[in-house]
């Protein structure tokens, strides 16, 4: 599962433009955020990983508004370095 998400993240990263602004709630942007969650564990990355796990769970249930809520939470956590 982790490998599948990572592969999807790399494909999405390669096919979409980069933006410094706050990202829209799309699966491609969620994949971009996932690529930034690797490396050293910091409290902000741990919080972002938990939020992204919840977002993935909500997406699998078909609840995109719930997934977006968790994605925005993860994005805020990553901004708090």
PDB file of N, CA and C in Angstrom:
ATOM      1  N   UNK A   1       0.827  -1.188   0.000  1.00  0.00           N
ATOM      2  CA  UNK A   1       0.000   0.000   0.000  1.00  0.00           C
ATOM      3  C   UNK A   1       0.874   1.255   0.000  1.00  0.00           C
ATOM      4  N   UNK A   2       1.904   1.247   0.843  1.00  0.00           N
ATOM      5  CA  UNK A   2       2.790   2.404   0.934  1.00  0.00           C
ATOM      6  C   UNK A   2       3.511   2.623  -0.393  1.00  0.00           C
ATOM      7  N   UNK A   3       3.925   1.539  -1.030  1.00  0.00           N
ATOM      8  CA  UNK A   3       4.611   1.633  -2.316  1.00  0.00           C
ATOM      9  C   UNK A   3       3.680   2.184  -3.383  1.00  0.00           C
ATOM     10  N   UNK A   4       2.435   1.755  -3.352  1.00  0.00           N
ATOM     11  CA  UNK A   4       1.449   2.240  -4.314  1.00  0.00           C
ATOM     12  C   UNK A   4       1.224   3.738  -4.153  1.00  0.00           C
ATOM     13  N   UNK A   5       1.103   4.198  -2.915  1.00  0.00           N
ATOM     14  CA  UNK A   5       0.912   5.627  -2.669  1.00  0.00           C
ATOM     15  C   UNK A   5       2.131   6.423  -3.103  1.00  0.00           C
ATOM     16  N   UNK A   6       3.305   5.888  -2.835  1.00  0.00           N
ATOM     17  CA  UNK A   6       4.525   6.582  -3.227  1.00  0.00           C
ATOM     18  C   UNK A   6       4.642   6.671  -4.747  1.00  0.00           C
ATOM     19  N   UNK A   7       4.298   5.581  -5.444  1.00  0.00           N
ATOM     20  CA  UNK A   7       4.333   5.591  -6.905  1.00  0.00           C
ATOM     21  C   UNK A   7       3.333   6.600  -7.458  1.00  0.00           C
ATOM     22  N   UNK A   8       2.150   6.637  -6.874  1.00  0.00           N
ATOM     23  CA  UNK A   8       1.131   7.605  -7.315  1.00  0.00           C
ATOM     24  C   UNK A   8       1.607   9.033  -7.076  1.00  0.00           C
ATOM     25  N   UNK A   9       2.315   9.236  -5.979  1.00  0.00           N
ATOM     26  CA  UNK A   9       2.836  10.562  -5.670  1.00  0.00           C
ATOM     27  C   UNK A   9       3.861  11.004  -6.710  1.00  0.00           C
ATOM     28  N   UNK A  10       4.757  10.101  -7.103  1.00  0.00           N
ATOM     29  CA  UNK A  10       5.759  10.460  -8.101  1.00  0.00           C
ATOM     30  C   UNK A  10       5.118  10.760  -9.456  1.00  0.00           C
ATOM     31  N   UNK A  11       4.122   9.999  -9.845  1.00  0.00           N
ATOM     32  CA  UNK A  11       3.436  10.247 -11.111  1.00  0.00           C
ATOM     33  C   UNK A  11       2.731  11.594 -11.061  1.00  0.00           C
ATOM     34  N   UNK A  12       2.045  11.869  -9.961  1.00  0.00           N
ATOM     35  CA  UNK A  12       1.331  13.141  -9.835  1.00  0.00           C
ATOM     36  C   UNK A  12       2.303  14.315  -9.826  1.00  0.00           C
ATOM     37  N   UNK A  13       3.431  14.131  -9.176  1.00  0.00           N
ATOM     38  CA  UNK A  13       4.433  15.195  -9.121  1.00  0.00           C
ATOM     39  C   UNK A  13       4.987  15.487 -10.512  1.00  0.00           C
ATOM     40  N   UNK A  14       5.194  14.468 -11.286  1.00  0.00           N
ATOM     41  CA  UNK A  14       5.759  14.639 -12.626  1.00  0.00           C
ATOM     42  C   UNK A  14       4.763  15.281 -13.586  1.00  0.00           C
ATOM     43  N   UNK A  15       3.481  15.068 -13.377  1.00  0.00           N
ATOM     44  CA  UNK A  15       2.476  15.546 -14.321  1.00  0.00           C
ATOM     45  C   UNK A  15       1.813  16.865 -13.955  1.00  0.00           C
ATOM     46  N   UNK A  16       2.091  17.410 -12.778  1.00  0.00           N
ATOM     47  CA  UNK A  16       1.407  18.633 -12.376  1.00  0.00           C
ATOM     48  C   UNK A  16       2.410  19.739 -12.082  1.00  0.00           C
ATOM     49  N   UNK A  17       2.003  20.994 -12.300  1.00  0.00           N
ATOM     50  CA  UNK A  17       2.915  22.115 -12.063  1.00  0.00           C
ATOM     51  C   UNK A  17       3.103  22.392 -10.575  1.00  0.00           C
ATOM     52  N   UNK A  18       4.254  22.932 -10.215  1.00  0.00           N
ATOM     53  CA  UNK A  18       4.530  23.271  -8.822  1.00  0.00           C
ATOM     54  C   UNK A  18       3.912  24.625  -8.495  1.00  0.00           C
ATOM     55  N   UNK A  19       3.514  24.796  -7.252  1.00  0.00           N
ATOM     56  CA  UNK A  19       2.920  26.048  -6.820  1.00  0.00           C
ATOM     57  C   UNK A  19       3.321  26.323  -5.387  1.00  0.00           C
ATOM     58  N   UNK A  20       3.664  27.583  -5.099  1.00  0.00           N
ATOM     59  CA  UNK A  20       4.020  27.951  -3.737  1.00  0.00           C
ATOM     60  C   UNK A  20       2.783  28.353  -2.948  1.00  0.00           C
ATOM     61  N   UNK A  21       1.691  28.613  -3.633  1.00  0.00           N
ATOM     62  CA  UNK A  21       0.451  28.993  -2.967  1.00  0.00           C
ATOM     63  C   UNK A  21      -0.202  27.782  -2.323  1.00  0.00           C
ATOM     64  N   UNK A  22      -1.195  28.059  -1.492  1.00  0.00           N
ATOM     65  CA  UNK A  22      -1.936  26.973  -0.854  1.00  0.00           C
ATOM     66  C   UNK A  22      -2.577  26.116  -1.941  1.00  0.00           C
ATOM     67  N   UNK A  23      -2.393  24.805  -1.823  1.00  0.00           N
ATOM     68  CA  UNK A  23      -2.839  23.903  -2.876  1.00  0.00           C
ATOM     69  C   UNK A  23      -4.313  23.556  -2.734  1.00  0.00           C
ATOM     70  N   UNK A  24      -4.952  23.343  -3.864  1.00  0.00           N
ATOM     71  CA  UNK A  24      -6.342  22.899  -3.882  1.00  0.00           C
ATOM     72  C   UNK A  24      -6.411  21.457  -3.408  1.00  0.00           C
ATOM     73  N   UNK A  25      -7.577  21.050  -3.000  1.00  0.00           N
ATOM     74  CA  UNK A  25      -7.772  19.696  -2.475  1.00  0.00           C
ATOM     75  C   UNK A  25      -8.040  18.735  -3.634  1.00  0.00           C
ATOM     76  N   UNK A  26      -6.961  18.256  -4.245  1.00  0.00           N
ATOM     77  CA  UNK A  26      -7.076  17.268  -5.315  1.00  0.00           C
ATOM     78  C   UNK A  26      -6.171  16.090  -4.975  1.00  0.00           C
ATOM     79  N   UNK A  27      -6.437  14.969  -5.580  1.00  0.00           N
ATOM     80  CA  UNK A  27      -5.604  13.795  -5.293  1.00  0.00           C
ATOM     81  C   UNK A  27      -4.155  14.027  -5.725  1.00  0.00           C
ATOM     82  N   UNK A  28      -3.954  14.802  -6.781  1.00  0.00           N
ATOM     83  CA  UNK A  28      -2.588  15.095  -7.228  1.00  0.00           C
ATOM     84  C   UNK A  28      -1.840  15.919  -6.179  1.00  0.00           C
ATOM     85  N   UNK A  29      -2.513  16.908  -5.608  1.00  0.00           N
ATOM     86  CA  UNK A  29      -1.863  17.732  -4.593  1.00  0.00           C
ATOM     87  C   UNK A  29      -1.639  16.945  -3.303  1.00  0.00           C
ATOM     88  N   UNK A  30      -2.547  16.033  -3.007  1.00  0.00           N
ATOM     89  CA  UNK A  30      -2.344  15.172  -1.842  1.00  0.00           C
ATOM     90  C   UNK A  30      -1.115  14.291  -2.045  1.00  0.00           C
ATOM     91  N   UNK A  31      -0.928  13.828  -3.263  1.00  0.00           N
ATOM     92  CA  UNK A  31       0.239  13.001  -3.569  1.00  0.00           C
ATOM     93  C   UNK A  31       1.521  13.815  -3.431  1.00  0.00           C
ATOM     94  N   UNK A  32       1.486  15.078  -3.821  1.00  0.00           N
ATOM     95  CA  UNK A  32       2.658  15.946  -3.663  1.00  0.00           C
ATOM     96  C   UNK A  32       3.026  16.096  -2.190  1.00  0.00           C
ATOM     97  N   UNK A  33       2.007  16.264  -1.362  1.00  0.00           N
ATOM     98  CA  UNK A  33       2.272  16.405   0.062  1.00  0.00           C
ATOM     99  C   UNK A  33       2.886  15.126   0.619  1.00  0.00           C
ATOM    100  N   UNK A  34       2.430  13.993   0.144  1.00  0.00           N
ATOM    101  CA  UNK A  34       2.974  12.708   0.611  1.00  0.00           C
ATOM    102  C   UNK A  34       4.458  12.578   0.311  1.00  0.00           C
ATOM    103  N   UNK A  35       4.909  13.130  -0.814  1.00  0.00           N
ATOM    104  CA  UNK A  35       6.329  13.035  -1.148  1.00  0.00           C
ATOM    105  C   UNK A  35       7.173  13.831  -0.167  1.00  0.00           C
ATOM    106  N   UNK A  36       6.613  14.872   0.403  1.00  0.00           N
ATOM    107  CA  UNK A  36       7.341  15.688   1.368  1.00  0.00           C
ATOM    108  C   UNK A  36       7.368  15.105   2.768  1.00  0.00           C
ATOM    109  N   UNK A  37       6.665  14.010   2.982  1.00  0.00           N
ATOM    110  CA  UNK A  37       6.595  13.426   4.321  1.00  0.00           C
ATOM    111  C   UNK A  37       7.695  12.421   4.608  1.00  0.00           C
ATOM    112  N   UNK A  38       8.578  12.203   3.662  1.00  0.00           N
ATOM    113  CA  UNK A  38       9.683  11.272   3.886  1.00  0.00           C
ATOM    114  C   UNK A  38      10.795  11.934   4.687  1.00  0.00           C
ATOM    115  N   UNK A  39      11.807  11.185   4.974  1.00  0.00           N
ATOM    116  CA  UNK A  39      12.965  11.736   5.669  1.00  0.00           C
ATOM    117  C   UNK A  39      12.835  11.675   7.170  1.00  0.00           C
ATOM    118  N   UNK A  40      13.511  12.596   7.830  1.00  0.00           N
ATOM    119  CA  UNK A  40      13.571  12.624   9.286  1.00  0.00           C
ATOM    120  C   UNK A  40      12.190  12.874   9.896  1.00  0.00           C
ATOM    121  N   UNK A  41      11.895  12.139  10.962  1.00  0.00           N
ATOM    122  CA  UNK A  41      10.621  12.326  11.657  1.00  0.00           C
ATOM    123  C   UNK A  41      10.695  13.547  12.559  1.00  0.00           C
ATOM    124  N   UNK A  42       9.829  14.495  12.300  1.00  0.00           N
ATOM    125  CA  UNK A  42       9.676  15.659  13.156  1.00  0.00           C
ATOM    126  C   UNK A  42       8.230  15.661  13.638  1.00  0.00           C
ATOM    127  N   UNK A  43       7.925  16.389  14.693  1.00  0.00           N
ATOM    128  CA  UNK A  43       6.542  16.415  15.172  1.00  0.00           C
ATOM    129  C   UNK A  43       5.544  16.877  14.102  1.00  0.00           C
ATOM    130  N   UNK A  44       5.953  17.822  13.269  1.00  0.00           N
ATOM    131  CA  UNK A  44       5.035  18.300  12.229  1.00  0.00           C
ATOM    132  C   UNK A  44       4.797  17.226  11.165  1.00  0.00           C
ATOM    133  N   UNK A  45       5.822  16.459  10.818  1.00  0.00           N
ATOM    134  CA  UNK A  45       5.652  15.393   9.832  1.00  0.00           C
ATOM    135  C   UNK A  45       4.804  14.251  10.377  1.00  0.00           C
ATOM    136  N   UNK A  46       4.950  13.958  11.660  1.00  0.00           N
ATOM    137  CA  UNK A  46       4.149  12.907  12.280  1.00  0.00           C
ATOM    138  C   UNK A  46       2.675  13.313  12.260  1.00  0.00           C
ATOM    139  N   UNK A  47       2.400  14.573  12.606  1.00  0.00           N
ATOM    140  CA  UNK A  47       1.019  15.073  12.591  1.00  0.00           C
ATOM    141  C   UNK A  47       0.461  15.067  11.163  1.00  0.00           C
ATOM    142  N   UNK A  48       1.288  15.455  10.203  1.00  0.00           N
ATOM    143  CA  UNK A  48       0.844  15.475   8.807  1.00  0.00           C
ATOM    144  C   UNK A  48       0.567  14.060   8.306  1.00  0.00           C
ATOM    145  N   UNK A  49       1.400  13.102   8.698  1.00  0.00           N
ATOM    146  CA  UNK A  49       1.176  11.707   8.293  1.00  0.00           C
ATOM    147  C   UNK A  49      -0.139  11.174   8.843  1.00  0.00           C
ATOM    148  N   UNK A  50      -0.440  11.507  10.095  1.00  0.00           N
ATOM    149  CA  UNK A  50      -1.704  11.069  10.695  1.00  0.00           C
ATOM    150  C   UNK A  50      -2.884  11.671   9.941  1.00  0.00           C
ATOM    151  N   UNK A  51      -2.787  12.946   9.611  1.00  0.00           N
ATOM    152  CA  UNK A  51      -3.868  13.603   8.874  1.00  0.00           C
ATOM    153  C   UNK A  51      -4.026  13.012   7.479  1.00  0.00           C
ATOM    154  N   UNK A  52      -2.904  12.705   6.821  1.00  0.00           N
ATOM    155  CA  UNK A  52      -2.992  12.114   5.486  1.00  0.00           C
ATOM    156  C   UNK A  52      -3.540  10.700   5.541  1.00  0.00           C
ATOM    157  N   UNK A  53      -3.250   9.963   6.602  1.00  0.00           N
ATOM    158  CA  UNK A  53      -3.830   8.627   6.755  1.00  0.00           C
ATOM    159  C   UNK A  53      -5.347   8.739   6.883  1.00  0.00           C
ATOM    160  N   UNK A  54      -5.800   9.728   7.637  1.00  0.00           N
ATOM    161  CA  UNK A  54      -7.237   9.956   7.771  1.00  0.00           C
ATOM    162  C   UNK A  54      -7.846  10.397   6.440  1.00  0.00           C
ATOM    163  N   UNK A  55      -7.122  11.228   5.694  1.00  0.00           N
ATOM    164  CA  UNK A  55      -7.609  11.677   4.390  1.00  0.00           C
ATOM    165  C   UNK A  55      -7.742  10.493   3.433  1.00  0.00           C
ATOM    166  N   UNK A  56      -6.754   9.606   3.430  1.00  0.00           N
ATOM    167  CA  UNK A  56      -6.821   8.421   2.567  1.00  0.00           C
ATOM    168  C   UNK A  56      -7.994   7.533   2.948  1.00  0.00           C
ATOM    169  N   UNK A  57      -8.236   7.411   4.232  1.00  0.00           N
ATOM    170  CA  UNK A  57      -9.353   6.604   4.708  1.00  0.00           C
ATOM    171  C   UNK A  57     -10.683   7.196   4.244  1.00  0.00           C
ATOM    172  N   UNK A  58     -10.810   8.504   4.356  1.00  0.00           N
ATOM    173  CA  UNK A  58     -12.047   9.172   3.926  1.00  0.00           C
ATOM    174  C   UNK A  58     -12.241   9.062   2.410  1.00  0.00           C
ATOM    175  N   UNK A  59     -11.152   9.185   1.660  1.00  0.00           N
ATOM    176  CA  UNK A  59     -11.265   9.050   0.198  1.00  0.00           C
ATOM    177  C   UNK A  59     -11.711   7.648  -0.177  1.00  0.00           C
ATOM    178  N   UNK A  60     -11.222   6.640   0.530  1.00  0.00           N
ATOM    179  CA  UNK A  60     -11.609   5.273   0.199  1.00  0.00           C
ATOM    180  C   UNK A  60     -13.089   5.025   0.493  1.00  0.00           C
ATOM    181  N   UNK A  61     -13.657   5.812   1.401  1.00  0.00           N
ATOM    182  CA  UNK A  61     -15.078   5.706   1.701  1.00  0.00           C
ATOM    183  C   UNK A  61     -15.929   6.548   0.741  1.00  0.00           C
ATOM    184  N   UNK A  62     -15.273   7.363  -0.091  1.00  0.00           N
ATOM    185  CA  UNK A  62     -15.986   8.226  -1.022  1.00  0.00           C
ATOM    186  C   UNK A  62     -16.384   9.561  -0.418  1.00  0.00           C
ATOM    187  N   UNK A  63     -15.805   9.910   0.725  1.00  0.00           N
ATOM    188  CA  UNK A  63     -16.131  11.157   1.408  1.00  0.00           C
ATOM    189  C   UNK A  63     -15.051  12.198   1.112  1.00  0.00           C
ATOM    190  N   UNK A  64     -15.147  12.850  -0.037  1.00  0.00           N
ATOM    191  CA  UNK A  64     -14.122  13.819  -0.431  1.00  0.00           C
ATOM    192  C   UNK A  64     -14.103  15.062   0.462  1.00  0.00           C
ATOM    193  N   UNK A  65     -15.257  15.580   0.926  1.00  0.00           N
ATOM    194  CA  UNK A  65     -15.178  16.729   1.844  1.00  0.00           C
ATOM    195  C   UNK A  65     -14.404  16.401   3.132  1.00  0.00           C
ATOM    196  N   UNK A  66     -14.603  15.210   3.657  1.00  0.00           N
ATOM    197  CA  UNK A  66     -13.852  14.794   4.841  1.00  0.00           C
ATOM    198  C   UNK A  66     -12.371  14.645   4.540  1.00  0.00           C
ATOM    199  N   UNK A  67     -12.068  14.108   3.363  1.00  0.00           N
ATOM    200  CA  UNK A  67     -10.674  13.955   2.957  1.00  0.00           C
ATOM    201  C   UNK A  67     -10.009  15.316   2.819  1.00  0.00           C
ATOM    202  N   UNK A  68     -10.722  16.282   2.270  1.00  0.00           N
ATOM    203  CA  UNK A  68     -10.164  17.632   2.111  1.00  0.00           C
ATOM    204  C   UNK A  68      -9.881  18.275   3.466  1.00  0.00           C
ATOM    205  N   UNK A  69     -10.752  18.034   4.424  1.00  0.00           N
ATOM    206  CA  UNK A  69     -10.550  18.574   5.767  1.00  0.00           C
ATOM    207  C   UNK A  69      -9.246  18.041   6.359  1.00  0.00           C
ATOM    208  N   UNK A  70      -9.013  16.760   6.215  1.00  0.00           N
ATOM    209  CA  UNK A  70      -7.792  16.161   6.749  1.00  0.00           C
ATOM    210  C   UNK A  70      -6.564  16.603   5.953  1.00  0.00           C
ATOM    211  N   UNK A  71      -6.724  16.770   4.642  1.00  0.00           N
ATOM    212  CA  UNK A  71      -5.611  17.244   3.805  1.00  0.00           C
ATOM    213  C   UNK A  71      -5.176  18.650   4.227  1.00  0.00           C
ATOM    214  N   UNK A  72      -6.146  19.520   4.450  1.00  0.00           N
ATOM    215  CA  UNK A  72      -5.818  20.889   4.866  1.00  0.00           C
ATOM    216  C   UNK A  72      -5.120  20.880   6.235  1.00  0.00           C
ATOM    217  N   UNK A  73      -5.532  19.979   7.085  1.00  0.00           N
ATOM    218  CA  UNK A  73      -4.890  19.808   8.389  1.00  0.00           C
ATOM    219  C   UNK A  73      -3.429  19.398   8.210  1.00  0.00           C
ATOM    220  N   UNK A  74      -3.187  18.464   7.304  1.00  0.00           N
ATOM    221  CA  UNK A  74      -1.824  18.004   7.039  1.00  0.00           C
ATOM    222  C   UNK A  74      -0.980  19.128   6.442  1.00  0.00           C
ATOM    223  N   UNK A  75      -1.583  19.902   5.568  1.00  0.00           N
ATOM    224  CA  UNK A  75      -0.860  21.019   4.955  1.00  0.00           C
ATOM    225  C   UNK A  75      -0.458  22.048   6.015  1.00  0.00           C
ATOM    226  N   UNK A  76      -1.353  22.325   6.949  1.00  0.00           N
ATOM    227  CA  UNK A  76      -1.036  23.266   8.033  1.00  0.00           C
ATOM    228  C   UNK A  76       0.085  22.711   8.917  1.00  0.00           C
ATOM    229  N   UNK A  77       0.033  21.425   9.199  1.00  0.00           N
ATOM    230  CA  UNK A  77       1.073  20.810  10.029  1.00  0.00           C
ATOM    231  C   UNK A  77       2.442  20.912   9.356  1.00  0.00           C
ATOM    232  N   UNK A  78       2.486  20.699   8.052  1.00  0.00           N
ATOM    233  CA  UNK A  78       3.762  20.793   7.329  1.00  0.00           C
ATOM    234  C   UNK A  78       4.274  22.229   7.293  1.00  0.00           C
ATOM    235  N   UNK A  79       3.374  23.213   7.341  1.00  0.00           N
ATOM    236  CA  UNK A  79       3.793  24.612   7.313  1.00  0.00           C
ATOM    237  C   UNK A  79       4.404  25.030   8.641  1.00  0.00           C
ATOM    238  N   UNK A  80       4.071  24.313   9.723  1.00  0.00           N
ATOM    239  CA  UNK A  80       4.580  24.644  11.056  1.00  0.00           C
ATOM    240  C   UNK A  80       5.892  23.933  11.332  1.00  0.00           C
ATOM    241  N   UNK A  81       6.940  24.297  10.651  1.00  0.00           N
ATOM    242  CA  UNK A  81       8.231  23.632  10.839  1.00  0.00           C
ATOM    243  C   UNK A  81       8.863  24.109  12.040  1.00  0.00           C
TER     244      UNK A  81
END
